Amino acid sequence: MTHAFPHTEADYNTLTPAAQNDFNQLMEQADTAGPADYPALMTAIAILVGLPTGDIRRCACSCYCPVIFDANDEDAHVIKHGEGYNLGEHQCPTCADHHRETA
């Protein structure tokens, strides 16, 4: 028996236009959500893109990377904390390895 590993990344560009719209709206809601609503929004986003539940982000680096990932990944990189908001800006592990950015 082979073991399937959970996906750790998703590609924004492979989402349908309707799913991209849903993703964008849910991320906007999560950015300003209170502590009671934030976990449910992250779960909904994770289900939408096919990732395990986590602190979901879209890569925010300047190369316009389409990767959606869990910001708690040990190889992810914080570009800018979300002062006053929940999400901040993060780089996916691949971009952080290839061209780490700062705010």
Protein backbone atom coordinates (compact mmCIF):
# COMPACT_ATOMS: atom_id res chain seq x y z
CA MET A 1 0.00 0.00 0.00
CA THR A 2 1.28 3.45 -0.84
CA HIS A 3 0.58 6.37 1.39
CA ALA A 4 -0.86 9.52 -0.08
CA PHE A 5 0.59 12.73 1.24
CA PRO A 6 -1.68 15.74 1.60
CA HIS A 7 -1.23 18.51 -0.93
CA THR A 8 0.65 21.44 0.58
CA GLU A 9 0.12 23.88 -2.29
CA ALA A 10 -2.57 24.78 -4.80
CA ASP A 11 -2.39 26.83 -8.00
CA TYR A 12 -4.67 29.88 -8.12
CA ASN A 13 -4.59 29.83 -11.93
CA THR A 14 -6.12 26.35 -12.10
CA LEU A 15 -9.20 27.45 -10.15
CA THR A 16 -12.28 28.21 -12.21
CA PRO A 17 -13.19 31.90 -12.48
CA ALA A 18 -16.05 31.30 -10.02
CA ALA A 19 -13.69 29.58 -7.56
CA GLN A 20 -11.15 32.42 -7.93
CA ASN A 21 -13.92 34.88 -7.10
CA ASP A 22 -14.98 32.82 -4.08
CA PHE A 23 -11.34 32.54 -2.94
CA ASN A 24 -10.83 36.31 -3.23
CA GLN A 25 -14.03 37.10 -1.33
CA LEU A 26 -13.27 34.60 1.44
CA MET A 27 -9.71 35.96 1.79
CA GLU A 28 -11.05 39.52 2.07
CA GLN A 29 -13.48 38.40 4.77
CA ALA A 30 -10.72 36.50 6.61
CA ASP A 31 -8.46 39.55 6.57
CA THR A 32 -10.86 41.49 8.79
CA ALA A 33 -12.63 38.62 10.56
CA GLY A 34 -12.80 38.37 14.32
CA PRO A 35 -11.39 35.40 16.22
CA ALA A 36 -14.74 33.57 16.19
CA ASP A 37 -15.10 33.72 12.38
CA TYR A 38 -11.49 33.41 11.19
CA PRO A 39 -11.05 29.61 11.66
CA ALA A 40 -14.25 28.81 9.75
CA LEU A 41 -13.18 31.07 6.88
CA MET A 42 -9.75 29.40 6.70
CA THR A 43 -11.44 25.99 6.66
CA ALA A 44 -13.78 27.07 3.84
CA ILE A 45 -10.82 28.39 1.83
CA ALA A 46 -8.82 25.20 2.40
CA ILE A 47 -11.73 23.07 1.21
CA LEU A 48 -12.24 25.32 -1.83
CA VAL A 49 -8.62 24.94 -2.99
CA GLY A 50 -8.11 21.33 -1.83
CA LEU A 51 -5.61 21.88 0.96
CA PRO A 52 -5.58 20.68 4.56
CA THR A 53 -6.93 23.27 6.98
CA GLY A 54 -4.31 25.85 7.85
CA ASP A 55 -3.49 29.53 7.74
CA ILE A 56 -4.06 29.81 4.00
CA ARG A 57 -2.37 32.51 1.90
CA ARG A 58 -1.67 33.28 -1.74
CA CYS A 59 1.98 34.01 -2.41
CA ALA A 60 2.49 37.78 -2.28
CA CYS A 61 5.89 38.07 -3.91
CA SER A 62 6.65 40.35 -6.83
CA CYS A 63 6.96 37.50 -9.36
CA TYR A 64 3.15 37.11 -9.34
CA CYS A 65 3.36 33.52 -8.17
CA PRO A 66 -0.02 31.71 -8.25
CA VAL A 67 0.75 29.40 -5.31
CA ILE A 68 -1.77 29.07 -2.47
CA PHE A 69 -0.22 27.57 0.68
CA ASP A 70 -0.30 27.35 4.46
CA ALA A 71 1.55 30.35 5.91
CA ASN A 72 2.55 28.20 8.89
CA ASP A 73 4.80 26.11 6.64
CA GLU A 74 8.25 26.29 8.20
CA ASP A 75 9.76 27.34 4.86
CA ALA A 76 7.25 30.12 4.15
CA HIS A 77 8.50 33.68 4.62
CA VAL A 78 6.71 36.70 6.08
CA ILE A 79 7.22 39.74 3.87
CA LYS A 80 5.02 42.03 5.94
CA HIS A 81 2.91 41.43 9.04
CA GLY A 82 -0.74 42.37 8.78
CA GLU A 83 -0.72 45.36 11.13
CA GLY A 84 -4.40 45.82 11.97
CA TYR A 85 -5.40 42.93 9.71
CA ASN A 86 -5.16 39.14 9.93
CA LEU A 87 -3.36 38.08 6.78
CA GLY A 88 -0.20 40.08 6.13
CA GLU A 89 1.95 39.22 3.11
CA HIS A 90 3.79 35.91 2.81
CA GLN A 91 5.98 34.17 0.27
CA CYS A 92 5.48 30.52 -0.56
CA PRO A 93 8.41 28.25 0.35
CA THR A 94 9.67 28.02 -3.26
CA CYS A 95 9.74 31.78 -3.80
CA ALA A 96 11.26 32.33 -0.36
CA ASP A 97 14.04 29.94 -1.33
CA HIS A 98 14.62 31.42 -4.79
CA HIS A 99 14.18 35.16 -4.18
CA ARG A 100 13.40 36.13 -0.58
CA GLU A 101 11.71 39.52 -0.35
CA THR A 102 11.36 42.14 2.36
CA ALA A 103 8.81 44.92 2.79
